[in-house]
Amino acid sequence: MELINQFSSGLFIIQSVIFLILLFVLGKFAWKPILKSIDERETSIIDAMNQAKLARQEMAHLKEDNERIIREARAERDLILKEARDMKDKIISQAKDSAKIEGEKMIEAARQSIQAEKNAAMADIKTQIGVLSVSIAERILREKLSTDSAQNALVENILNNSNLN
């Protein structure tokens, strides 16, 4: 209580004036910059939140675009693969057809070659048979016609059998 009793009105007024000066100085130099920086920070936070929101929206759009591009790329890949399979099947079919045609040509050429060789062999056999027959006939005739009487009998037989008109 002594403290309260020792309180003087002059000290109170001086302290009140100092406090008011301090409030004025703080209001003039400190509170405005502090409030201004707080407002700026609040504004930058709101801007950052808006930017983040826009970035999220842009990311969503980019994700949708990426998915669309991936779908289109897959569809294009499938189309290219289908075309490649079709082309492969076509080339294989053409190769089979041309191989079949070439095979048939080769078979026909072989048949003709075999037939020609067969005909040549038959002609050669006929020639050999003819030569062999003449040779055999010549030997037989030499043996049978070795005497004059046999030769005369053969001539008479041929003349009797032939028609002399």
N, C-alpha and C. Protein backbone atom coordinates (compact mmCIF):
# COMPACT_ATOMS: atom_id res chain seq x y z
N MET A 1 0.77 -1.17 0.00
CA MET A 1 0.00 0.00 0.00
C MET A 1 0.83 1.26 0.00
N GLU A 2 1.91 1.10 0.40
CA GLU A 2 2.76 2.26 0.41
C GLU A 2 2.99 2.78 -0.99
N LEU A 3 3.00 1.84 -1.87
CA LEU A 3 3.24 2.21 -3.24
C LEU A 3 2.11 3.09 -3.75
N ILE A 4 0.93 2.77 -3.38
CA ILE A 4 -0.22 3.55 -3.84
C ILE A 4 -0.20 4.92 -3.17
N ASN A 5 0.21 4.96 -2.02
CA ASN A 5 0.25 6.22 -1.30
C ASN A 5 1.36 7.11 -1.85
N GLN A 6 2.35 6.51 -2.29
CA GLN A 6 3.45 7.29 -2.80
C GLN A 6 3.17 7.81 -4.20
N PHE A 7 2.09 7.38 -4.74
CA PHE A 7 1.71 7.77 -6.07
C PHE A 7 1.42 9.26 -6.09
N SER A 8 2.06 9.91 -6.99
CA SER A 8 1.83 11.33 -7.07
C SER A 8 1.19 11.65 -8.40
N SER A 9 0.50 12.66 -8.43
CA SER A 9 -0.23 13.03 -9.62
C SER A 9 0.71 13.53 -10.72
N GLY A 10 1.82 14.12 -10.41
CA GLY A 10 2.76 14.62 -11.38
C GLY A 10 3.43 13.46 -12.14
N LEU A 11 3.77 12.42 -11.38
CA LEU A 11 4.38 11.27 -12.00
C LEU A 11 3.40 10.61 -12.95
N PHE A 12 2.14 10.57 -12.54
CA PHE A 12 1.11 9.97 -13.37
C PHE A 12 0.95 10.73 -14.67
N ILE A 13 0.99 12.00 -14.64
CA ILE A 13 0.80 12.82 -15.82
C ILE A 13 2.00 12.64 -16.75
N ILE A 14 3.22 12.63 -16.21
CA ILE A 14 4.41 12.47 -17.03
C ILE A 14 4.39 11.10 -17.70
N GLN A 15 4.04 10.07 -16.92
CA GLN A 15 4.00 8.73 -17.50
C GLN A 15 2.90 8.63 -18.56
N SER A 16 1.79 9.30 -18.33
CA SER A 16 0.70 9.30 -19.30
C SER A 16 1.13 10.02 -20.57
N VAL A 17 1.86 11.10 -20.45
CA VAL A 17 2.32 11.85 -21.62
C VAL A 17 3.33 10.98 -22.38
N ILE A 18 4.25 10.33 -21.65
CA ILE A 18 5.24 9.47 -22.30
C ILE A 18 4.53 8.32 -23.02
N PHE A 19 3.52 7.77 -22.34
CA PHE A 19 2.76 6.67 -22.96
C PHE A 19 2.05 7.15 -24.22
N LEU A 20 1.45 8.31 -24.19
CA LEU A 20 0.77 8.86 -25.37
C LEU A 20 1.77 9.14 -26.49
N ILE A 21 2.96 9.64 -26.16
CA ILE A 21 3.98 9.90 -27.16
C ILE A 21 4.43 8.57 -27.77
N LEU A 22 4.61 7.60 -26.86
CA LEU A 22 5.00 6.28 -27.34
C LEU A 22 3.93 5.71 -28.27
N LEU A 23 2.66 5.87 -27.92
CA LEU A 23 1.57 5.41 -28.78
C LEU A 23 1.57 6.15 -30.11
N PHE A 24 1.81 7.43 -30.06
CA PHE A 24 1.84 8.21 -31.30
C PHE A 24 3.02 7.78 -32.19
N VAL A 25 4.19 7.62 -31.60
CA VAL A 25 5.38 7.23 -32.36
C VAL A 25 5.17 5.82 -32.93
N LEU A 26 4.67 4.91 -32.08
CA LEU A 26 4.40 3.56 -32.57
C LEU A 26 3.35 3.58 -33.68
N GLY A 27 2.28 4.35 -33.52
CA GLY A 27 1.23 4.45 -34.52
C GLY A 27 1.75 5.05 -35.81
N LYS A 28 2.64 6.03 -35.67
CA LYS A 28 3.15 6.72 -36.85
C LYS A 28 4.19 5.86 -37.57
N PHE A 29 5.11 5.24 -36.85
CA PHE A 29 6.23 4.57 -37.48
C PHE A 29 6.19 3.04 -37.43
N ALA A 30 5.54 2.45 -36.49
CA ALA A 30 5.61 1.00 -36.35
C ALA A 30 4.31 0.30 -36.79
N TRP A 31 3.17 0.74 -36.32
CA TRP A 31 1.93 0.02 -36.60
C TRP A 31 1.55 0.04 -38.07
N LYS A 32 1.69 1.18 -38.71
CA LYS A 32 1.36 1.23 -40.13
C LYS A 32 2.25 0.28 -40.95
N PRO A 33 3.56 0.31 -40.79
CA PRO A 33 4.38 -0.65 -41.54
C PRO A 33 4.08 -2.10 -41.15
N ILE A 34 3.84 -2.32 -39.83
CA ILE A 34 3.52 -3.68 -39.40
C ILE A 34 2.21 -4.12 -40.02
N LEU A 35 1.18 -3.28 -39.93
CA LEU A 35 -0.12 -3.61 -40.53
C LEU A 35 -0.02 -3.72 -42.05
N LYS A 36 0.81 -2.85 -42.62
CA LYS A 36 1.00 -2.92 -44.07
C LYS A 36 1.67 -4.24 -44.47
N SER A 37 2.71 -4.64 -43.73
CA SER A 37 3.38 -5.91 -44.06
C SER A 37 2.45 -7.09 -43.80
N ILE A 38 1.64 -7.01 -42.75
CA ILE A 38 0.66 -8.08 -42.49
C ILE A 38 -0.35 -8.14 -43.63
N ASP A 39 -0.84 -6.99 -44.07
CA ASP A 39 -1.78 -6.96 -45.21
C ASP A 39 -1.10 -7.50 -46.48
N GLU A 40 0.15 -7.10 -46.70
CA GLU A 40 0.87 -7.59 -47.88
C GLU A 40 1.06 -9.11 -47.80
N ARG A 41 1.40 -9.57 -46.61
CA ARG A 41 1.57 -11.03 -46.43
C ARG A 41 0.25 -11.74 -46.66
N GLU A 42 -0.84 -11.18 -46.13
CA GLU A 42 -2.16 -11.78 -46.34
C GLU A 42 -2.51 -11.79 -47.83
N THR A 43 -2.21 -10.70 -48.50
CA THR A 43 -2.48 -10.62 -49.94
C THR A 43 -1.61 -11.63 -50.69
N SER A 44 -0.33 -11.75 -50.33
CA SER A 44 0.54 -12.71 -51.02
C SER A 44 0.10 -14.15 -50.74
N ILE A 45 -0.37 -14.42 -49.51
CA ILE A 45 -0.88 -15.76 -49.20
C ILE A 45 -2.12 -16.06 -50.03
N ILE A 46 -3.02 -15.09 -50.14
CA ILE A 46 -4.24 -15.29 -50.95
C ILE A 46 -3.86 -15.48 -52.41
N ASP A 47 -2.90 -14.65 -52.89
CA ASP A 47 -2.44 -14.82 -54.28
C ASP A 47 -1.80 -16.20 -54.49
N ALA A 48 -1.00 -16.62 -53.52
CA ALA A 48 -0.37 -17.94 -53.64
C ALA A 48 -1.41 -19.06 -53.65
N MET A 49 -2.45 -18.90 -52.82
CA MET A 49 -3.53 -19.89 -52.80
C MET A 49 -4.26 -19.89 -54.14
N ASN A 50 -4.52 -18.70 -54.68
CA ASN A 50 -5.17 -18.62 -55.99
C ASN A 50 -4.28 -19.22 -57.08
N GLN A 51 -2.99 -18.91 -56.99
CA GLN A 51 -2.05 -19.48 -57.97
C GLN A 51 -2.01 -21.01 -57.85
N ALA A 52 -2.01 -21.50 -56.61
CA ALA A 52 -2.00 -22.95 -56.39
C ALA A 52 -3.28 -23.57 -56.95
N LYS A 53 -4.40 -22.89 -56.74
CA LYS A 53 -5.67 -23.37 -57.28
C LYS A 53 -5.62 -23.40 -58.81
N LEU A 54 -5.09 -22.32 -59.41
CA LEU A 54 -4.95 -22.28 -60.87
C LEU A 54 -3.98 -23.37 -61.34
N ALA A 55 -2.91 -23.57 -60.59
CA ALA A 55 -1.95 -24.60 -60.97
C ALA A 55 -2.59 -25.98 -60.90
N ARG A 56 -3.41 -26.22 -59.86
CA ARG A 56 -4.13 -27.49 -59.77
C ARG A 56 -5.07 -27.67 -60.95
N GLN A 57 -5.79 -26.60 -61.30
CA GLN A 57 -6.69 -26.69 -62.45
C GLN A 57 -5.89 -26.94 -63.73
N GLU A 58 -4.77 -26.25 -63.89
CA GLU A 58 -3.95 -26.44 -65.08
C GLU A 58 -3.37 -27.85 -65.11
N MET A 59 -2.96 -28.36 -63.96
CA MET A 59 -2.46 -29.73 -63.88
C MET A 59 -3.56 -30.72 -64.26
N ALA A 60 -4.80 -30.45 -63.81
CA ALA A 60 -5.91 -31.33 -64.17
C ALA A 60 -6.12 -31.30 -65.68
N HIS A 61 -6.06 -30.09 -66.27
CA HIS A 61 -6.20 -29.98 -67.73
C HIS A 61 -5.05 -30.70 -68.44
N LEU A 62 -3.85 -30.52 -67.94
CA LEU A 62 -2.70 -31.19 -68.55
C LEU A 62 -2.82 -32.70 -68.42
N LYS A 63 -3.32 -33.15 -67.28
CA LYS A 63 -3.50 -34.59 -67.09
C LYS A 63 -4.53 -35.12 -68.08
N GLU A 64 -5.63 -34.38 -68.24
CA GLU A 64 -6.65 -34.78 -69.21
C GLU A 64 -6.06 -34.80 -70.62
N ASP A 65 -5.27 -33.76 -70.95
CA ASP A 65 -4.63 -33.71 -72.27
C ASP A 65 -3.66 -34.88 -72.46
N ASN A 66 -2.89 -35.17 -71.42
CA ASN A 66 -1.95 -36.30 -71.50
C ASN A 66 -2.69 -37.61 -71.71
N GLU A 67 -3.79 -37.80 -70.98
CA GLU A 67 -4.58 -39.03 -71.14
C GLU A 67 -5.17 -39.12 -72.54
N ARG A 68 -5.64 -37.98 -73.06
CA ARG A 68 -6.18 -37.95 -74.41
C ARG A 68 -5.08 -38.27 -75.43
N ILE A 69 -3.92 -37.66 -75.25
CA ILE A 69 -2.80 -37.91 -76.17
C ILE A 69 -2.38 -39.38 -76.10
N ILE A 70 -2.35 -39.94 -74.89
CA ILE A 70 -1.99 -41.35 -74.74
C ILE A 70 -3.02 -42.23 -75.44
N ARG A 71 -4.31 -41.92 -75.27
CA ARG A 71 -5.36 -42.69 -75.95
C ARG A 71 -5.20 -42.60 -77.46
N GLU A 72 -4.94 -41.39 -77.96
CA GLU A 72 -4.75 -41.22 -79.40
C GLU A 72 -3.52 -41.98 -79.89
N ALA A 73 -2.44 -41.92 -79.11
CA ALA A 73 -1.22 -42.63 -79.49
C ALA A 73 -1.46 -44.14 -79.51
N ARG A 74 -2.20 -44.64 -78.53
CA ARG A 74 -2.51 -46.07 -78.50
C ARG A 74 -3.37 -46.46 -79.70
N ALA A 75 -4.36 -45.61 -80.00
CA ALA A 75 -5.22 -45.90 -81.15
C ALA A 75 -4.39 -45.88 -82.44
N GLU A 76 -3.50 -44.91 -82.57
CA GLU A 76 -2.65 -44.83 -83.75
C GLU A 76 -1.71 -46.03 -83.82
N ARG A 77 -1.15 -46.42 -82.67
CA ARG A 77 -0.27 -47.60 -82.63
C ARG A 77 -1.04 -48.85 -83.06
N ASP A 78 -2.29 -49.00 -82.53
CA ASP A 78 -3.10 -50.16 -82.91
C ASP A 78 -3.39 -50.16 -84.40
N LEU A 79 -3.68 -48.97 -84.95
CA LEU A 79 -3.95 -48.86 -86.38
C LEU A 79 -2.71 -49.23 -87.19
N ILE A 80 -1.55 -48.72 -86.77
CA ILE A 80 -0.31 -49.04 -87.49
C ILE A 80 -0.01 -50.52 -87.41
N LEU A 81 -0.21 -51.12 -86.23
CA LEU A 81 0.02 -52.55 -86.09
C LEU A 81 -0.94 -53.35 -86.96
N LYS A 82 -2.20 -52.91 -87.03
CA LYS A 82 -3.19 -53.61 -87.86
C LYS A 82 -2.78 -53.52 -89.32
N GLU A 83 -2.39 -52.31 -89.75
CA GLU A 83 -1.95 -52.14 -91.14
C GLU A 83 -0.71 -53.00 -91.43
N ALA A 84 0.20 -53.06 -90.47
CA ALA A 84 1.40 -53.88 -90.66
C ALA A 84 1.04 -55.36 -90.76
N ARG A 85 0.10 -55.82 -89.90
CA ARG A 85 -0.33 -57.22 -89.98
C ARG A 85 -1.00 -57.49 -91.32
N ASP A 86 -1.87 -56.57 -91.75
CA ASP A 86 -2.54 -56.74 -93.04
C ASP A 86 -1.51 -56.79 -94.18
N MET A 87 -0.53 -55.88 -94.13
CA MET A 87 0.50 -55.86 -95.16
C MET A 87 1.31 -57.15 -95.13
N LYS A 88 1.64 -57.63 -93.93
CA LYS A 88 2.39 -58.88 -93.80
C LYS A 88 1.58 -60.04 -94.39
N ASP A 89 0.29 -60.10 -94.03
CA ASP A 89 -0.56 -61.17 -94.57
C ASP A 89 -0.65 -61.08 -96.09
N LYS A 90 -0.74 -59.87 -96.63
CA LYS A 90 -0.82 -59.68 -98.07
C LYS A 90 0.48 -60.13 -98.74
N ILE A 91 1.61 -59.74 -98.16
CA ILE A 91 2.91 -60.13 -98.73
C ILE A 91 3.08 -61.64 -98.67
N ILE A 92 2.69 -62.24 -97.54
CA ILE A 92 2.79 -63.70 -97.42
C ILE A 92 1.89 -64.38 -98.44
N SER A 93 0.67 -63.85 -98.59
CA SER A 93 -0.26 -64.43 -99.56
C SER A 93 0.30 -64.32 -100.98
N GLN A 94 0.85 -63.15 -101.30
CA GLN A 94 1.43 -62.97 -102.64
C GLN A 94 2.62 -63.91 -102.82
N ALA A 95 3.43 -64.04 -101.80
CA ALA A 95 4.60 -64.93 -101.90
C ALA A 95 4.15 -66.37 -102.08
N LYS A 96 3.11 -66.77 -101.35
CA LYS A 96 2.59 -68.13 -101.50
C LYS A 96 2.05 -68.34 -102.91
N ASP A 97 1.29 -67.36 -103.40
CA ASP A 97 0.72 -67.48 -104.75
C ASP A 97 1.83 -67.57 -105.80
N SER A 98 2.82 -66.68 -105.68
CA SER A 98 3.89 -66.71 -106.68
C SER A 98 4.71 -67.99 -106.55
N ALA A 99 4.91 -68.48 -105.31
CA ALA A 99 5.63 -69.74 -105.13
C ALA A 99 4.83 -70.90 -105.72
N LYS A 100 3.52 -70.86 -105.55
CA LYS A 100 2.68 -71.92 -106.10
C LYS A 100 2.75 -71.90 -107.63
N ILE A 101 2.66 -70.69 -108.21
CA ILE A 101 2.74 -70.57 -109.67
C ILE A 101 4.10 -71.05 -110.16
N GLU A 102 5.18 -70.62 -109.50
CA GLU A 102 6.52 -71.06 -109.89
C GLU A 102 6.66 -72.57 -109.73
N GLY A 103 6.09 -73.11 -108.64
CA GLY A 103 6.13 -74.55 -108.43
C GLY A 103 5.42 -75.30 -109.54
N GLU A 104 4.23 -74.78 -109.91
CA GLU A 104 3.49 -75.42 -111.00
C GLU A 104 4.27 -75.34 -112.32
N LYS A 105 4.91 -74.19 -112.56
CA LYS A 105 5.72 -74.05 -113.78
C LYS A 105 6.88 -75.05 -113.76
N MET A 106 7.52 -75.18 -112.59
CA MET A 106 8.65 -76.10 -112.49
C MET A 106 8.18 -77.55 -112.68
N ILE A 107 7.01 -77.87 -112.09
CA ILE A 107 6.47 -79.23 -112.24
C ILE A 107 6.15 -79.50 -113.71
N GLU A 108 5.53 -78.52 -114.37
CA GLU A 108 5.18 -78.69 -115.79
C GLU A 108 6.45 -78.82 -116.63
N ALA A 109 7.46 -78.01 -116.32
CA ALA A 109 8.72 -78.10 -117.06
C ALA A 109 9.37 -79.47 -116.82
N ALA A 110 9.29 -79.96 -115.58
CA ALA A 110 9.85 -81.28 -115.28
C ALA A 110 9.09 -82.36 -116.04
N ARG A 111 7.76 -82.23 -116.08
CA ARG A 111 6.96 -83.21 -116.83
C ARG A 111 7.35 -83.21 -118.31
N GLN A 112 7.48 -82.01 -118.88
CA GLN A 112 7.85 -81.92 -120.28
C GLN A 112 9.25 -82.50 -120.50
N SER A 113 10.15 -82.20 -119.57
CA SER A 113 11.51 -82.73 -119.68
C SER A 113 11.49 -84.25 -119.58
N ILE A 114 10.70 -84.77 -118.63
CA ILE A 114 10.59 -86.23 -118.47
C ILE A 114 10.00 -86.84 -119.73
N GLN A 115 8.95 -86.19 -120.27
CA GLN A 115 8.32 -86.72 -121.49
C GLN A 115 9.32 -86.70 -122.65
N ALA A 116 10.08 -85.62 -122.78
CA ALA A 116 11.07 -85.52 -123.86
C ALA A 116 12.14 -86.59 -123.68
N GLU A 117 12.61 -86.76 -122.44
CA GLU A 117 13.61 -87.79 -122.18
C GLU A 117 13.04 -89.18 -122.44
N LYS A 118 11.77 -89.38 -122.10
CA LYS A 118 11.11 -90.66 -122.33
C LYS A 118 11.03 -90.94 -123.83
N ASN A 119 10.61 -89.90 -124.58
CA ASN A 119 10.51 -90.05 -126.03
C ASN A 119 11.88 -90.32 -126.64
N ALA A 120 12.90 -89.60 -126.14
CA ALA A 120 14.25 -89.81 -126.65
C ALA A 120 14.72 -91.22 -126.30
N ALA A 121 14.41 -91.68 -125.09
CA ALA A 121 14.81 -93.02 -124.67
C ALA A 121 14.08 -94.07 -125.52
N MET A 122 12.79 -93.84 -125.77
CA MET A 122 12.01 -94.78 -126.60
C MET A 122 12.59 -94.83 -128.02
N ALA A 123 12.93 -93.66 -128.56
CA ALA A 123 13.51 -93.63 -129.91
C ALA A 123 14.85 -94.35 -129.92
N ASP A 124 15.64 -94.12 -128.87
CA ASP A 124 16.93 -94.80 -128.77
C ASP A 124 16.75 -96.31 -128.65
N ILE A 125 15.76 -96.72 -127.82
CA ILE A 125 15.47 -98.16 -127.67
C ILE A 125 15.02 -98.75 -129.00
N LYS A 126 14.15 -98.03 -129.72
CA LYS A 126 13.67 -98.53 -131.02
C LYS A 126 14.84 -98.67 -131.99
N THR A 127 15.70 -97.67 -131.98
CA THR A 127 16.86 -97.73 -132.86
C THR A 127 17.73 -98.93 -132.51
N GLN A 128 17.97 -99.08 -131.21
CA GLN A 128 18.81 -100.21 -130.78
C GLN A 128 18.14 -101.55 -131.11
N ILE A 129 16.79 -101.62 -130.90
CA ILE A 129 16.06 -102.85 -131.23
C ILE A 129 16.15 -103.12 -132.73
N GLY A 130 16.00 -102.07 -133.54
CA GLY A 130 16.10 -102.23 -135.00
C GLY A 130 17.47 -102.74 -135.40
N VAL A 131 18.52 -102.11 -134.84
CA VAL A 131 19.88 -102.54 -135.15
C VAL A 131 20.09 -103.97 -134.68
N LEU A 132 19.61 -104.25 -133.47
CA LEU A 132 19.76 -105.59 -132.92
C LEU A 132 18.98 -106.61 -133.75
N SER A 133 17.76 -106.24 -134.17
CA SER A 133 16.94 -107.14 -134.99
C SER A 133 17.62 -107.43 -136.33
N VAL A 134 18.14 -106.39 -136.96
CA VAL A 134 18.83 -106.57 -138.24
C VAL A 134 20.04 -107.46 -138.03
N SER A 135 20.76 -107.22 -136.93
CA SER A 135 21.95 -108.03 -136.66
C SER A 135 21.58 -109.49 -136.42
N ILE A 136 20.50 -109.72 -135.66
CA ILE A 136 20.04 -111.09 -135.39
C ILE A 136 19.57 -111.73 -136.69
N ALA A 137 18.79 -111.00 -137.46
CA ALA A 137 18.27 -111.54 -138.73
C ALA A 137 19.42 -111.86 -139.66
N GLU A 138 20.42 -111.00 -139.66
CA GLU A 138 21.57 -111.24 -140.53
C GLU A 138 22.30 -112.52 -140.11
N ARG A 139 22.47 -112.74 -138.84
CA ARG A 139 23.15 -113.95 -138.36
C ARG A 139 22.32 -115.19 -138.68
N ILE A 140 20.99 -115.05 -138.44
CA ILE A 140 20.12 -116.21 -138.72
C ILE A 140 20.16 -116.53 -140.22
N LEU A 141 20.06 -115.54 -141.04
CA LEU A 141 20.08 -115.76 -142.48
C LEU A 141 21.43 -116.33 -142.93
N ARG A 142 22.49 -115.89 -142.36
CA ARG A 142 23.80 -116.43 -142.74
C ARG A 142 23.89 -117.92 -142.38
N GLU A 143 23.33 -118.26 -141.20
CA GLU A 143 23.40 -119.67 -140.82
C GLU A 143 22.49 -120.52 -141.70
N LYS A 144 21.29 -120.04 -141.95
CA LYS A 144 20.34 -120.86 -142.71
C LYS A 144 20.65 -120.84 -144.20
N LEU A 145 21.20 -119.77 -144.67
CA LEU A 145 21.45 -119.68 -146.10
C LEU A 145 22.93 -119.91 -146.41
N SER A 146 23.56 -120.62 -145.61
CA SER A 146 24.98 -120.88 -145.84
C SER A 146 25.21 -121.82 -147.02
N THR A 147 24.21 -122.60 -147.37
CA THR A 147 24.34 -123.49 -148.52
C THR A 147 23.54 -122.96 -149.67
N ASP A 148 23.91 -123.42 -150.91
CA ASP A 148 23.22 -122.96 -152.12
C ASP A 148 21.80 -123.50 -152.17
N SER A 149 21.56 -124.67 -151.73
CA SER A 149 20.21 -125.25 -151.80
C SER A 149 19.27 -124.51 -150.88
N ALA A 150 19.76 -124.07 -149.72
CA ALA A 150 18.91 -123.34 -148.80
C ALA A 150 18.57 -121.98 -149.38
N GLN A 151 19.51 -121.35 -150.09
CA GLN A 151 19.25 -120.06 -150.69
C GLN A 151 18.22 -120.19 -151.81
N ASN A 152 18.29 -121.22 -152.61
CA ASN A 152 17.33 -121.43 -153.69
C ASN A 152 15.94 -121.70 -153.13
N ALA A 153 15.85 -122.49 -152.06
CA ALA A 153 14.56 -122.80 -151.46
C ALA A 153 13.92 -121.52 -150.90
N LEU A 154 14.71 -120.66 -150.31
CA LEU A 154 14.18 -119.41 -149.75
C LEU A 154 13.67 -118.52 -150.86
N VAL A 155 14.38 -118.41 -151.96
CA VAL A 155 13.95 -117.56 -153.07
C VAL A 155 12.65 -118.10 -153.64
N GLU A 156 12.54 -119.40 -153.81
CA GLU A 156 11.31 -119.98 -154.34
C GLU A 156 10.15 -119.74 -153.39
N ASN A 157 10.39 -119.88 -152.13
CA ASN A 157 9.33 -119.67 -151.13
C ASN A 157 8.84 -118.23 -151.18
N ILE A 158 9.74 -117.27 -151.27
CA ILE A 158 9.37 -115.86 -151.33
C ILE A 158 8.61 -115.58 -152.62
N LEU A 159 9.01 -116.20 -153.72
CA LEU A 159 8.32 -115.95 -154.98
C LEU A 159 6.93 -116.57 -154.95
N ASN A 160 6.78 -117.68 -154.35
CA ASN A 160 5.45 -118.34 -154.26
C ASN A 160 4.51 -117.52 -153.36
N ASN A 161 5.03 -116.95 -152.31
CA ASN A 161 4.18 -116.21 -151.36
C ASN A 161 3.85 -114.82 -151.88
N SER A 162 4.62 -114.29 -152.75
CA SER A 162 4.35 -112.95 -153.23
C SER A 162 3.41 -113.02 -154.40
N ASN A 163 2.67 -112.10 -154.59
CA ASN A 163 1.70 -112.00 -155.68
C ASN A 163 2.36 -111.29 -156.83
N LEU A 164 2.60 -111.99 -157.86
CA LEU A 164 3.20 -111.38 -159.02
C LEU A 164 2.07 -111.07 -160.00
N ASN A 165 1.71 -109.99 -160.10
CA ASN A 165 0.63 -109.60 -160.98
C ASN A 165 1.11 -109.17 -162.27
